[in-house]
N, C-alpha and C. Protein backbone atom coordinates (compact mmCIF):
# COMPACT_ATOMS: atom_id res chain seq x y z
N MET A 1 15.21 7.75 -37.41
CA MET A 1 15.71 7.41 -36.14
C MET A 1 14.79 6.57 -35.32
N SER A 2 15.42 5.69 -34.52
CA SER A 2 14.57 4.69 -33.75
C SER A 2 13.95 5.53 -32.76
N GLY A 3 12.64 5.04 -32.32
CA GLY A 3 11.94 5.61 -31.28
C GLY A 3 12.06 5.03 -29.93
N GLY A 4 13.05 4.09 -29.95
CA GLY A 4 13.26 3.29 -28.73
C GLY A 4 13.90 4.18 -27.57
N PRO A 5 14.17 3.69 -26.32
CA PRO A 5 14.88 4.36 -25.22
C PRO A 5 16.08 4.79 -25.72
N VAL A 6 16.58 5.82 -25.15
CA VAL A 6 18.09 6.30 -25.34
C VAL A 6 18.87 5.76 -24.41
N PRO A 7 20.02 5.11 -24.74
CA PRO A 7 20.93 4.48 -23.77
C PRO A 7 21.30 5.73 -22.78
N GLU A 8 21.57 5.20 -21.53
CA GLU A 8 21.85 6.12 -20.44
C GLU A 8 22.93 7.15 -20.72
N THR A 9 24.12 6.53 -21.33
CA THR A 9 25.35 7.37 -21.52
C THR A 9 24.93 8.37 -22.55
N GLU A 10 24.30 8.11 -23.57
CA GLU A 10 23.89 9.04 -24.63
C GLU A 10 22.87 10.06 -23.92
N ARG A 11 22.04 9.67 -23.11
CA ARG A 11 21.14 10.54 -22.47
C ARG A 11 21.91 11.65 -21.65
N VAL A 12 22.93 11.06 -20.91
CA VAL A 12 23.71 11.98 -20.09
C VAL A 12 24.40 13.07 -20.97
N ARG A 13 25.06 12.51 -22.09
CA ARG A 13 25.69 13.37 -23.05
C ARG A 13 24.75 14.55 -23.53
N ARG A 14 23.51 14.21 -23.80
CA ARG A 14 22.60 15.24 -24.21
C ARG A 14 22.32 16.16 -23.17
N ILE A 15 22.17 15.74 -21.97
CA ILE A 15 21.87 16.56 -20.87
C ILE A 15 23.03 17.63 -20.61
N TRP A 16 24.21 17.13 -20.72
CA TRP A 16 25.44 18.10 -20.59
C TRP A 16 25.55 19.03 -21.70
N ASP A 17 25.41 18.57 -22.90
CA ASP A 17 25.42 19.35 -24.09
C ASP A 17 24.35 20.62 -23.85
N ALA A 18 23.14 20.22 -23.46
CA ALA A 18 22.14 21.30 -23.26
C ALA A 18 22.48 22.20 -22.25
N HIS A 19 23.19 21.84 -21.14
CA HIS A 19 23.56 22.68 -20.06
C HIS A 19 24.83 23.34 -20.17
N ALA A 20 25.58 23.16 -21.05
CA ALA A 20 26.96 23.69 -21.21
C ALA A 20 26.91 25.19 -21.16
N GLY A 21 26.06 25.80 -21.69
CA GLY A 21 26.06 27.43 -21.74
C GLY A 21 25.71 27.83 -20.36
N SER A 22 24.99 27.15 -19.46
CA SER A 22 24.51 27.75 -18.28
C SER A 22 25.22 27.13 -17.03
N TYR A 23 26.14 26.18 -17.40
CA TYR A 23 26.66 25.48 -16.29
C TYR A 23 27.51 26.35 -15.18
N ASP A 24 28.49 27.19 -15.74
CA ASP A 24 29.20 27.82 -14.83
C ASP A 24 28.47 28.77 -13.94
N ARG A 25 27.30 29.47 -14.51
CA ARG A 25 26.59 30.27 -13.75
C ARG A 25 25.64 29.37 -12.70
N GLY A 26 25.28 28.32 -13.17
CA GLY A 26 24.41 27.55 -12.24
C GLY A 26 25.22 26.91 -11.08
N ILE A 27 26.44 26.62 -11.31
CA ILE A 27 27.12 25.96 -10.22
C ILE A 27 27.76 26.91 -9.21
N ARG A 28 27.60 28.23 -9.33
CA ARG A 28 28.25 29.17 -8.50
C ARG A 28 27.69 29.07 -7.02
N LEU A 29 26.29 29.03 -6.91
CA LEU A 29 25.85 28.87 -5.58
C LEU A 29 26.20 27.67 -4.80
N ILE A 30 26.20 26.42 -5.57
CA ILE A 30 26.68 25.23 -5.04
C ILE A 30 28.08 25.24 -4.61
N GLU A 31 29.06 25.93 -5.41
CA GLU A 31 30.42 26.08 -4.98
C GLU A 31 30.48 26.81 -3.62
N ARG A 32 29.75 27.91 -3.50
CA ARG A 32 29.81 28.72 -2.29
C ARG A 32 29.21 27.94 -1.06
N LEU A 33 28.16 27.24 -1.24
CA LEU A 33 27.47 26.63 -0.06
C LEU A 33 28.00 25.28 0.24
N LEU A 34 28.59 24.54 -0.66
CA LEU A 34 28.96 23.26 -0.30
C LEU A 34 30.47 22.86 -0.69
N LEU A 35 31.09 23.35 -1.65
CA LEU A 35 32.36 22.97 -2.08
C LEU A 35 33.46 23.59 -1.31
N GLY A 36 33.33 24.83 -0.99
CA GLY A 36 34.39 25.61 -0.35
C GLY A 36 35.62 25.47 -1.18
N ASP A 37 36.74 25.20 -0.53
CA ASP A 37 37.98 25.19 -1.36
C ASP A 37 38.38 23.72 -2.10
N GLY A 38 37.19 22.91 -2.18
CA GLY A 38 37.41 21.56 -2.64
C GLY A 38 38.14 21.52 -3.91
N ARG A 39 37.95 22.38 -4.95
CA ARG A 39 38.59 22.13 -6.15
C ARG A 39 39.95 22.44 -6.05
N ARG A 40 40.40 23.43 -5.20
CA ARG A 40 41.67 23.87 -5.12
C ARG A 40 42.53 22.60 -4.27
N TRP A 41 41.81 22.06 -3.28
CA TRP A 41 42.38 20.95 -2.48
C TRP A 41 42.77 19.92 -3.42
N VAL A 42 41.91 19.53 -4.35
CA VAL A 42 42.20 18.50 -5.37
C VAL A 42 43.23 18.77 -6.25
N CYS A 43 43.07 19.93 -6.98
CA CYS A 43 44.00 20.20 -8.04
C CYS A 43 45.44 20.49 -7.63
N SER A 44 45.53 21.01 -6.38
CA SER A 44 46.85 21.32 -5.74
C SER A 44 47.65 20.11 -5.45
N ARG A 45 46.99 18.93 -5.47
CA ARG A 45 47.71 17.71 -5.08
C ARG A 45 48.10 16.98 -6.45
N ALA A 46 47.73 17.45 -7.52
CA ALA A 46 48.13 16.83 -8.82
C ALA A 46 49.62 17.11 -9.25
N SER A 47 50.13 16.14 -9.89
CA SER A 47 51.56 16.37 -10.36
C SER A 47 51.77 15.41 -11.54
N GLY A 48 52.89 15.71 -12.26
CA GLY A 48 53.23 15.06 -13.41
C GLY A 48 52.35 15.08 -14.63
N ASN A 49 52.07 13.83 -15.26
CA ASN A 49 51.17 13.79 -16.38
C ASN A 49 49.76 13.51 -15.78
N VAL A 50 48.86 14.39 -15.94
CA VAL A 50 47.70 14.56 -15.26
C VAL A 50 46.50 14.33 -16.37
N LEU A 51 45.53 13.44 -15.74
CA LEU A 51 44.19 13.33 -16.62
C LEU A 51 43.06 13.81 -15.70
N GLU A 52 42.29 14.70 -16.19
CA GLU A 52 41.03 15.14 -15.58
C GLU A 52 40.00 14.44 -16.35
N VAL A 53 39.16 13.73 -15.53
CA VAL A 53 38.08 13.05 -16.08
C VAL A 53 36.74 13.78 -15.77
N GLY A 54 35.98 14.08 -16.82
CA GLY A 54 34.94 15.00 -16.76
C GLY A 54 35.32 16.47 -16.56
N VAL A 55 36.23 16.83 -17.47
CA VAL A 55 36.80 18.16 -17.37
C VAL A 55 35.78 19.39 -17.48
N GLY A 56 34.63 19.01 -18.15
CA GLY A 56 33.52 19.95 -18.29
C GLY A 56 33.95 21.16 -18.95
N THR A 57 33.55 22.34 -18.38
CA THR A 57 33.95 23.71 -18.89
C THR A 57 35.29 24.07 -18.55
N GLY A 58 35.98 23.30 -17.87
CA GLY A 58 37.34 23.67 -17.50
C GLY A 58 37.54 24.54 -16.24
N LEU A 59 36.62 24.42 -15.29
CA LEU A 59 36.71 25.28 -14.06
C LEU A 59 37.95 25.00 -13.31
N ASN A 60 38.41 23.81 -13.40
CA ASN A 60 39.64 23.53 -12.65
C ASN A 60 40.91 24.04 -13.11
N LEU A 61 41.01 24.44 -14.45
CA LEU A 61 42.18 24.60 -15.11
C LEU A 61 43.12 25.70 -14.57
N PRO A 62 42.54 26.69 -13.99
CA PRO A 62 43.48 27.68 -13.31
C PRO A 62 44.04 27.33 -11.99
N LEU A 63 43.60 26.08 -11.48
CA LEU A 63 43.95 25.76 -10.14
C LEU A 63 45.11 24.64 -10.09
N TYR A 64 45.62 24.16 -11.25
CA TYR A 64 46.64 23.15 -11.37
C TYR A 64 47.92 23.82 -11.15
N PRO A 65 48.92 23.12 -10.46
CA PRO A 65 50.32 23.72 -10.37
C PRO A 65 50.93 23.88 -11.66
N GLU A 66 51.77 24.87 -11.80
CA GLU A 66 52.61 25.03 -12.99
C GLU A 66 53.54 23.83 -13.17
N GLY A 67 53.66 23.43 -14.51
CA GLY A 67 54.52 22.18 -14.90
C GLY A 67 53.83 20.88 -14.97
N VAL A 68 52.48 20.77 -14.60
CA VAL A 68 51.77 19.52 -14.85
C VAL A 68 51.49 19.50 -16.33
N ARG A 69 51.53 18.29 -16.95
CA ARG A 69 51.12 18.04 -18.19
C ARG A 69 49.69 17.46 -18.24
N LEU A 70 48.82 18.31 -18.91
CA LEU A 70 47.33 18.11 -18.53
C LEU A 70 46.56 17.63 -19.71
N THR A 71 45.82 16.48 -19.46
CA THR A 71 44.70 16.10 -20.45
C THR A 71 43.39 16.13 -19.78
N GLY A 72 42.38 16.57 -20.53
CA GLY A 72 41.07 16.50 -20.05
C GLY A 72 40.26 15.78 -21.08
N ILE A 73 39.31 15.00 -20.42
CA ILE A 73 38.29 14.19 -21.15
C ILE A 73 36.97 14.55 -20.64
N ASP A 74 35.92 14.52 -21.67
CA ASP A 74 34.54 14.82 -21.37
C ASP A 74 33.71 14.14 -22.34
N ILE A 75 32.52 13.73 -21.97
CA ILE A 75 31.60 13.06 -22.95
C ILE A 75 30.83 14.06 -23.81
N SER A 76 30.75 15.37 -23.43
CA SER A 76 29.97 16.42 -24.03
C SER A 76 30.97 17.34 -24.86
N PRO A 77 30.70 17.40 -26.12
CA PRO A 77 31.44 18.36 -27.07
C PRO A 77 31.18 19.74 -26.77
N ALA A 78 29.94 20.02 -26.28
CA ALA A 78 29.61 21.39 -25.89
C ALA A 78 30.30 21.93 -24.67
N MET A 79 30.50 21.08 -23.80
CA MET A 79 31.31 21.39 -22.59
C MET A 79 32.84 21.55 -22.96
N LEU A 80 33.42 20.66 -23.73
CA LEU A 80 34.77 20.67 -24.18
C LEU A 80 35.01 22.04 -24.88
N GLU A 81 34.08 22.46 -25.68
CA GLU A 81 34.33 23.72 -26.41
C GLU A 81 34.46 24.91 -25.47
N ARG A 82 33.78 24.86 -24.38
CA ARG A 82 33.89 25.94 -23.38
C ARG A 82 35.27 25.71 -22.65
N ALA A 83 35.61 24.53 -22.35
CA ALA A 83 36.97 24.29 -21.69
C ALA A 83 38.03 24.73 -22.63
N ARG A 84 37.86 24.52 -23.98
CA ARG A 84 38.86 25.05 -24.97
C ARG A 84 39.04 26.53 -24.95
N ARG A 85 37.89 27.22 -24.91
CA ARG A 85 38.05 28.64 -24.78
C ARG A 85 38.64 29.15 -23.42
N ARG A 86 38.31 28.46 -22.38
CA ARG A 86 38.90 28.77 -21.12
C ARG A 86 40.35 28.59 -21.09
N ALA A 87 40.79 27.54 -21.54
CA ALA A 87 42.30 27.24 -21.71
C ALA A 87 43.08 28.25 -22.50
N ALA A 88 42.47 28.62 -23.60
CA ALA A 88 42.93 29.63 -24.42
C ALA A 88 43.09 31.05 -23.70
N GLY A 89 42.01 31.42 -23.04
CA GLY A 89 42.06 32.63 -22.28
C GLY A 89 43.13 32.63 -21.14
N LEU A 90 43.33 31.54 -20.58
CA LEU A 90 44.31 31.22 -19.44
C LEU A 90 45.69 31.25 -20.00
N GLY A 91 45.93 30.83 -21.39
CA GLY A 91 47.13 30.44 -21.83
C GLY A 91 47.70 29.24 -21.44
N ARG A 92 46.80 28.27 -21.08
CA ARG A 92 47.14 27.01 -20.47
C ARG A 92 47.16 25.88 -21.54
N GLU A 93 48.24 25.23 -21.69
CA GLU A 93 48.30 24.19 -22.53
C GLU A 93 47.63 22.89 -22.06
N VAL A 94 46.54 22.48 -22.80
CA VAL A 94 45.80 21.22 -22.30
C VAL A 94 45.28 20.48 -23.53
N ARG A 95 45.49 19.13 -23.44
CA ARG A 95 44.89 18.32 -24.51
C ARG A 95 43.62 17.93 -24.06
N LEU A 96 42.56 18.24 -24.91
CA LEU A 96 41.09 17.95 -24.64
C LEU A 96 40.66 16.94 -25.48
N VAL A 97 40.06 15.84 -24.95
CA VAL A 97 39.52 14.73 -25.75
C VAL A 97 38.12 14.43 -25.43
N GLU A 98 37.31 14.21 -26.39
CA GLU A 98 35.96 13.73 -26.25
C GLU A 98 35.98 12.19 -26.11
N GLY A 99 35.33 11.75 -25.01
CA GLY A 99 35.41 10.32 -24.65
C GLY A 99 34.63 10.04 -23.41
N ASP A 100 34.51 8.71 -23.16
CA ASP A 100 33.47 8.16 -22.15
C ASP A 100 34.47 7.74 -20.96
N ALA A 101 34.13 8.17 -19.79
CA ALA A 101 34.94 7.84 -18.53
C ALA A 101 34.78 6.34 -18.29
N GLN A 102 33.73 5.74 -18.78
CA GLN A 102 33.58 4.26 -18.48
C GLN A 102 34.40 3.40 -19.49
N ALA A 103 35.07 3.99 -20.47
CA ALA A 103 35.95 3.27 -21.38
C ALA A 103 37.06 4.30 -21.84
N LEU A 104 38.03 4.62 -20.99
CA LEU A 104 38.85 5.63 -21.29
C LEU A 104 39.74 5.35 -22.47
N PRO A 105 40.02 6.20 -23.35
CA PRO A 105 40.74 5.86 -24.66
C PRO A 105 42.25 6.14 -24.48
N PHE A 106 42.84 5.54 -23.32
CA PHE A 106 44.24 5.57 -22.95
C PHE A 106 44.78 4.33 -22.70
N PRO A 107 45.97 4.15 -23.01
CA PRO A 107 46.66 2.85 -22.44
C PRO A 107 46.81 2.70 -21.02
N ASP A 108 46.92 1.54 -20.48
CA ASP A 108 47.24 1.23 -19.08
C ASP A 108 48.43 2.08 -18.75
N ALA A 109 48.37 2.51 -17.39
CA ALA A 109 49.45 3.15 -16.69
C ALA A 109 50.00 4.36 -17.52
N SER A 110 49.10 5.23 -17.97
CA SER A 110 49.48 6.36 -18.73
C SER A 110 49.71 7.66 -18.02
N PHE A 111 49.18 7.69 -16.81
CA PHE A 111 49.19 8.94 -16.04
C PHE A 111 49.71 8.94 -14.66
N ASP A 112 50.22 9.96 -14.18
CA ASP A 112 50.77 10.05 -12.68
C ASP A 112 49.61 10.44 -11.77
N THR A 113 48.69 11.10 -12.29
CA THR A 113 47.65 11.68 -11.44
C THR A 113 46.38 11.67 -12.32
N VAL A 114 45.23 11.07 -11.63
CA VAL A 114 43.78 11.20 -12.30
C VAL A 114 43.02 12.00 -11.33
N VAL A 115 42.48 13.04 -11.88
CA VAL A 115 41.39 13.97 -11.05
C VAL A 115 40.06 13.69 -11.64
N CYS A 116 39.08 13.81 -10.75
CA CYS A 116 37.61 13.84 -11.13
C CYS A 116 36.88 14.56 -10.11
N THR A 117 36.27 15.79 -10.58
CA THR A 117 35.55 16.44 -9.69
C THR A 117 34.18 16.71 -10.10
N LEU A 118 33.12 16.28 -9.23
CA LEU A 118 31.71 16.45 -9.58
C LEU A 118 31.27 15.84 -10.90
N SER A 119 31.81 14.78 -11.06
CA SER A 119 31.51 13.96 -12.30
C SER A 119 30.99 12.50 -12.00
N LEU A 120 31.55 11.90 -11.00
CA LEU A 120 31.15 10.57 -10.77
C LEU A 120 29.63 10.39 -10.41
N CYS A 121 29.09 11.46 -9.99
CA CYS A 121 27.64 11.61 -9.60
C CYS A 121 26.67 11.38 -10.94
N SER A 122 27.27 11.73 -12.12
CA SER A 122 26.45 11.63 -13.27
C SER A 122 27.02 10.61 -14.30
N ILE A 123 28.10 10.00 -14.11
CA ILE A 123 28.47 8.81 -14.94
C ILE A 123 27.59 7.68 -14.80
N PRO A 124 26.99 7.07 -15.64
CA PRO A 124 26.04 5.91 -15.51
C PRO A 124 26.56 4.80 -14.59
N ASP A 125 27.80 4.31 -14.97
CA ASP A 125 28.43 3.25 -14.19
C ASP A 125 29.65 3.78 -13.54
N ASP A 126 29.41 4.27 -12.20
CA ASP A 126 30.54 4.96 -11.70
C ASP A 126 31.61 3.99 -11.11
N ARG A 127 31.11 2.83 -10.89
CA ARG A 127 32.11 1.85 -10.36
C ARG A 127 33.09 1.49 -11.66
N ARG A 128 32.49 1.35 -12.82
CA ARG A 128 33.35 1.08 -13.93
C ARG A 128 34.35 2.23 -14.17
N ALA A 129 33.88 3.52 -14.12
CA ALA A 129 34.72 4.67 -14.28
C ALA A 129 35.91 4.69 -13.32
N VAL A 130 35.64 4.31 -11.98
CA VAL A 130 36.72 4.33 -11.01
C VAL A 130 37.71 3.26 -11.34
N ALA A 131 37.27 2.12 -11.90
CA ALA A 131 38.11 0.97 -12.25
C ALA A 131 38.96 1.53 -13.61
N GLU A 132 38.37 2.24 -14.40
CA GLU A 132 39.07 2.87 -15.54
C GLU A 132 40.16 3.81 -15.16
N MET A 133 39.87 4.54 -14.08
CA MET A 133 40.90 5.64 -13.65
C MET A 133 42.04 4.85 -13.09
N LYS A 134 41.74 3.72 -12.24
CA LYS A 134 42.84 3.00 -11.73
C LYS A 134 43.70 2.34 -12.91
N ARG A 135 43.03 1.87 -13.85
CA ARG A 135 43.82 1.37 -14.97
C ARG A 135 44.78 2.15 -15.73
N VAL A 136 44.36 3.43 -15.93
CA VAL A 136 45.22 4.34 -16.64
C VAL A 136 46.24 4.98 -15.71
N LEU A 137 46.14 4.79 -14.33
CA LEU A 137 47.16 5.27 -13.43
C LEU A 137 48.39 4.36 -13.49
N ARG A 138 49.54 5.11 -13.44
CA ARG A 138 50.83 4.39 -13.23
C ARG A 138 50.86 3.83 -11.79
N PRO A 139 51.56 2.68 -11.55
CA PRO A 139 51.83 2.11 -10.19
C PRO A 139 52.42 3.22 -9.33
N GLY A 140 51.79 3.45 -8.23
CA GLY A 140 52.21 4.64 -7.31
C GLY A 140 51.55 5.95 -7.59
N GLY A 141 50.69 5.83 -8.68
CA GLY A 141 50.00 7.16 -9.06
C GLY A 141 48.84 7.52 -8.12
N ARG A 142 48.48 8.74 -8.30
CA ARG A 142 47.46 9.25 -7.29
C ARG A 142 46.12 9.44 -7.97
N LEU A 143 45.06 9.08 -7.29
CA LEU A 143 43.61 9.40 -7.78
C LEU A 143 43.09 10.41 -6.76
N LEU A 144 42.56 11.57 -7.33
CA LEU A 144 42.04 12.64 -6.60
C LEU A 144 40.58 12.90 -6.90
N LEU A 145 39.59 12.87 -5.95
CA LEU A 145 38.27 13.01 -6.20
C LEU A 145 37.59 13.98 -5.29
N LEU A 146 36.66 14.75 -5.90
CA LEU A 146 35.85 15.58 -5.16
C LEU A 146 34.40 15.32 -5.73
N ASP A 147 33.44 15.07 -4.88
CA ASP A 147 31.94 14.92 -5.34
C ASP A 147 30.99 15.09 -4.14
N HIS A 148 29.78 15.26 -4.48
CA HIS A 148 28.69 15.28 -3.66
C HIS A 148 28.24 13.77 -3.34
N THR A 149 27.94 13.48 -2.10
CA THR A 149 27.60 12.08 -1.76
C THR A 149 26.37 12.12 -0.88
N ARG A 150 25.98 10.86 -0.60
CA ARG A 150 24.81 10.65 0.34
C ARG A 150 25.31 11.05 1.69
N SER A 151 24.55 11.81 2.32
CA SER A 151 24.74 12.49 3.66
C SER A 151 24.98 11.55 4.78
N SER A 152 25.73 11.89 5.70
CA SER A 152 25.88 11.13 6.92
C SER A 152 24.86 11.46 7.93
N SER A 153 24.09 12.50 7.68
CA SER A 153 22.78 12.86 8.47
C SER A 153 21.62 12.13 8.09
N ARG A 154 20.96 11.40 9.03
CA ARG A 154 19.79 10.59 8.52
C ARG A 154 18.69 11.53 7.89
N PRO A 155 18.28 12.44 8.50
CA PRO A 155 17.19 13.42 7.75
C PRO A 155 17.48 13.81 6.46
N LEU A 156 18.89 14.28 6.21
CA LEU A 156 19.32 14.84 4.97
C LEU A 156 19.39 13.57 4.02
N ARG A 157 19.79 12.51 4.37
CA ARG A 157 19.95 11.29 3.55
C ARG A 157 18.46 10.86 3.15
N ALA A 158 17.47 10.90 4.02
CA ALA A 158 16.01 10.83 3.68
C ALA A 158 15.63 11.65 2.54
N LEU A 159 15.97 12.94 2.67
CA LEU A 159 15.57 13.91 1.76
C LEU A 159 16.27 13.51 0.38
N GLN A 160 17.58 13.18 0.49
CA GLN A 160 18.20 12.87 -0.89
C GLN A 160 17.59 11.64 -1.54
N ARG A 161 17.21 10.63 -0.78
CA ARG A 161 16.53 9.44 -1.22
C ARG A 161 15.17 9.90 -1.84
N ALA A 162 14.51 10.83 -1.31
CA ALA A 162 13.15 11.17 -1.94
C ALA A 162 13.36 11.94 -3.24
N LEU A 163 14.48 12.81 -3.32
CA LEU A 163 14.74 13.53 -4.47
C LEU A 163 15.42 12.87 -5.53
N ASN A 164 16.13 11.78 -5.16
CA ASN A 164 16.99 11.10 -6.19
C ASN A 164 16.38 10.76 -7.52
N PRO A 165 15.17 10.17 -7.49
CA PRO A 165 14.57 9.84 -8.76
C PRO A 165 14.35 11.00 -9.69
N LEU A 166 14.12 12.12 -9.16
CA LEU A 166 13.87 13.31 -9.90
C LEU A 166 15.10 13.82 -10.52
N PHE A 167 16.26 13.83 -9.72
CA PHE A 167 17.54 14.33 -10.14
C PHE A 167 18.06 13.36 -11.25
N VAL A 168 17.89 12.13 -10.94
CA VAL A 168 18.46 11.14 -12.09
C VAL A 168 17.79 11.22 -13.31
N ARG A 169 16.38 11.54 -13.24
CA ARG A 169 15.47 11.56 -14.55
C ARG A 169 15.92 12.79 -15.25
N PHE A 170 15.95 13.99 -14.57
CA PHE A 170 15.99 15.14 -15.28
C PHE A 170 17.41 15.72 -15.45
N ALA A 171 18.33 15.31 -14.56
CA ALA A 171 19.70 15.86 -14.69
C ALA A 171 20.76 14.82 -14.70
N GLY A 172 20.35 13.52 -14.73
CA GLY A 172 21.39 12.43 -14.85
C GLY A 172 22.24 12.46 -13.57
N ASP A 173 21.82 13.01 -12.53
CA ASP A 173 22.59 13.22 -11.30
C ASP A 173 22.14 12.36 -10.13
N HIS A 174 22.99 11.62 -9.59
CA HIS A 174 22.74 10.60 -8.61
C HIS A 174 23.06 11.23 -7.19
N LEU A 175 22.09 11.30 -6.25
CA LEU A 175 22.39 11.96 -4.92
C LEU A 175 22.90 11.04 -3.83
N LEU A 176 22.77 9.66 -4.11
CA LEU A 176 23.06 8.71 -3.08
C LEU A 176 24.33 7.94 -3.20
N ARG A 177 25.29 8.33 -4.12
CA ARG A 177 26.45 7.66 -4.34
C ARG A 177 27.55 8.00 -3.28
N ARG A 178 28.62 7.10 -3.35
CA ARG A 178 29.77 7.52 -2.47
C ARG A 178 30.94 6.79 -3.09
N PRO A 179 31.73 7.57 -3.92
CA PRO A 179 32.72 7.04 -4.69
C PRO A 179 33.88 6.50 -3.94
N LEU A 180 34.10 6.80 -2.68
CA LEU A 180 35.03 6.18 -1.83
C LEU A 180 34.79 4.60 -1.66
N GLU A 181 33.68 4.21 -1.74
CA GLU A 181 33.44 2.71 -1.72
C GLU A 181 34.05 2.11 -2.78
N HIS A 182 34.03 2.62 -3.94
CA HIS A 182 34.48 2.03 -5.22
C HIS A 182 36.09 2.00 -5.18
N VAL A 183 36.59 3.12 -4.73
CA VAL A 183 38.00 3.39 -4.52
C VAL A 183 38.59 2.28 -3.65
N VAL A 184 37.85 1.86 -2.54
CA VAL A 184 38.34 0.85 -1.65
C VAL A 184 38.19 -0.46 -2.32
N ALA A 185 36.99 -0.64 -2.99
CA ALA A 185 36.74 -1.94 -3.68
C ALA A 185 37.75 -2.21 -4.69
N GLU A 186 38.36 -1.24 -5.37
CA GLU A 186 39.25 -1.36 -6.45
C GLU A 186 40.64 -1.65 -5.94
N GLY A 187 40.78 -1.63 -4.55
CA GLY A 187 42.14 -1.98 -3.99
C GLY A 187 43.07 -0.73 -4.04
N LEU A 188 42.62 0.50 -4.26
CA LEU A 188 43.47 1.63 -4.05
C LEU A 188 43.65 1.98 -2.56
N ARG A 189 44.89 2.52 -2.28
CA ARG A 189 45.26 2.76 -0.91
C ARG A 189 44.73 4.31 -0.67
N VAL A 190 43.81 4.35 0.31
CA VAL A 190 43.33 5.81 0.69
C VAL A 190 44.32 6.52 1.55
N GLU A 191 44.98 7.57 1.04
CA GLU A 191 45.67 8.43 1.82
C GLU A 191 45.01 9.40 2.70
N ARG A 192 43.95 9.92 2.12
CA ARG A 192 43.07 10.96 2.94
C ARG A 192 41.64 10.90 2.49
N ALA A 193 40.73 11.06 3.22
CA ALA A 193 39.42 11.15 2.92
C ALA A 193 38.66 12.13 3.93
N GLU A 194 38.07 13.09 3.35
CA GLU A 194 37.44 14.05 4.33
C GLU A 194 36.02 14.26 3.81
N ARG A 195 35.07 14.41 4.70
CA ARG A 195 33.62 14.65 4.51
C ARG A 195 33.31 15.95 5.14
N HIS A 196 32.41 16.82 4.34
CA HIS A 196 32.08 18.14 4.81
C HIS A 196 30.58 18.27 4.59
N VAL A 197 30.10 19.32 5.17
CA VAL A 197 28.63 19.69 5.07
C VAL A 197 27.74 18.42 5.34
N LYS A 198 27.88 18.01 6.63
CA LYS A 198 27.09 16.79 6.94
C LYS A 198 27.26 15.58 6.06
N GLY A 199 28.49 15.41 5.64
CA GLY A 199 28.90 14.30 4.85
C GLY A 199 28.35 14.36 3.37
N MET A 200 27.82 15.53 2.87
CA MET A 200 27.22 15.60 1.52
C MET A 200 28.30 16.03 0.51
N VAL A 201 29.66 16.25 1.03
CA VAL A 201 30.67 16.43 0.07
C VAL A 201 31.82 15.62 0.52
N GLU A 202 32.56 15.05 -0.34
CA GLU A 202 33.65 14.12 0.05
C GLU A 202 34.90 14.47 -0.82
N ARG A 203 36.08 14.57 -0.29
CA ARG A 203 37.33 14.63 -0.93
C ARG A 203 38.17 13.42 -0.67
N VAL A 204 38.75 12.81 -1.70
CA VAL A 204 39.53 11.61 -1.47
C VAL A 204 40.80 11.70 -2.21
N SER A 205 41.92 11.45 -1.61
CA SER A 205 43.18 11.20 -2.15
C SER A 205 43.62 9.74 -1.98
N ALA A 206 43.93 9.03 -3.09
CA ALA A 206 44.30 7.54 -2.94
C ALA A 206 45.37 7.22 -3.85
N ARG A 207 46.06 6.20 -3.61
CA ARG A 207 47.24 5.72 -4.44
C ARG A 207 46.92 4.35 -5.07
N LYS A 208 47.46 4.17 -6.30
CA LYS A 208 47.59 2.86 -6.80
C LYS A 208 48.77 2.18 -6.30
N GLU A 209 48.70 1.00 -5.83
CA GLU A 209 49.81 0.42 -5.26
C GLU A 209 50.91 0.07 -6.12
N PRO A 210 52.14 0.40 -5.80
CA PRO A 210 53.31 0.18 -6.71
C PRO A 210 53.47 -1.35 -7.03
N LEU A 211 54.07 -1.60 -8.08
CA LEU A 211 54.39 -3.00 -8.42
C LEU A 211 55.41 -3.59 -7.32
N ARG A 212 55.18 -4.76 -6.96
CA ARG A 212 56.03 -5.46 -6.07
C ARG A 212 57.17 -6.12 -6.89
N ASP A 213 58.45 -5.92 -6.38
CA ASP A 213 59.52 -6.78 -6.98
C ASP A 213 59.32 -8.28 -6.85
N ALA A 214 59.66 -9.00 -7.89
CA ALA A 214 59.43 -10.44 -7.86
C ALA A 214 60.44 -10.99 -6.86
């Protein structure tokens, strides 16, 4: 094997494979302190043919409305295995796919809803991932996001800036991102955007503009 540097996407895959067994336990405190009902807020708005990008261990699976047709994609085989077990335990039918959010393996305009929770913070090229989510959305389809973001509080933002290199190096986790900026840059129409906990958590609902009649 080469002794050269590991490409960032492969490095992130290895991080999540290594943490798959402890992820659910480790995220509990963050859920209580920061996220509140964020997962439910996102998943309850999903409808039709739904893609979840960064499905992880499947923590969102019990929160989707009945009747949605659900596909989940993740870069980590170990995380997907846990999602598979969770889906079986819930009796929830879901198609689980190993793949890269930066190059989604689906045709254009395949989904009515795309969901992404707590994943854009660790995808190496988050702008490209948002562009891919837009691509696979049908015209008029909805993009639903939940993530931690750079704080609206100057002291907290300074702390995030100081900690960011360590988080990126050891967890592949970026503290200073704000996915809403990419949503706007990609031309999606923002229906609702909420910031919580001094701006460190953001929820976004946006639409891909429908095709215009000639």
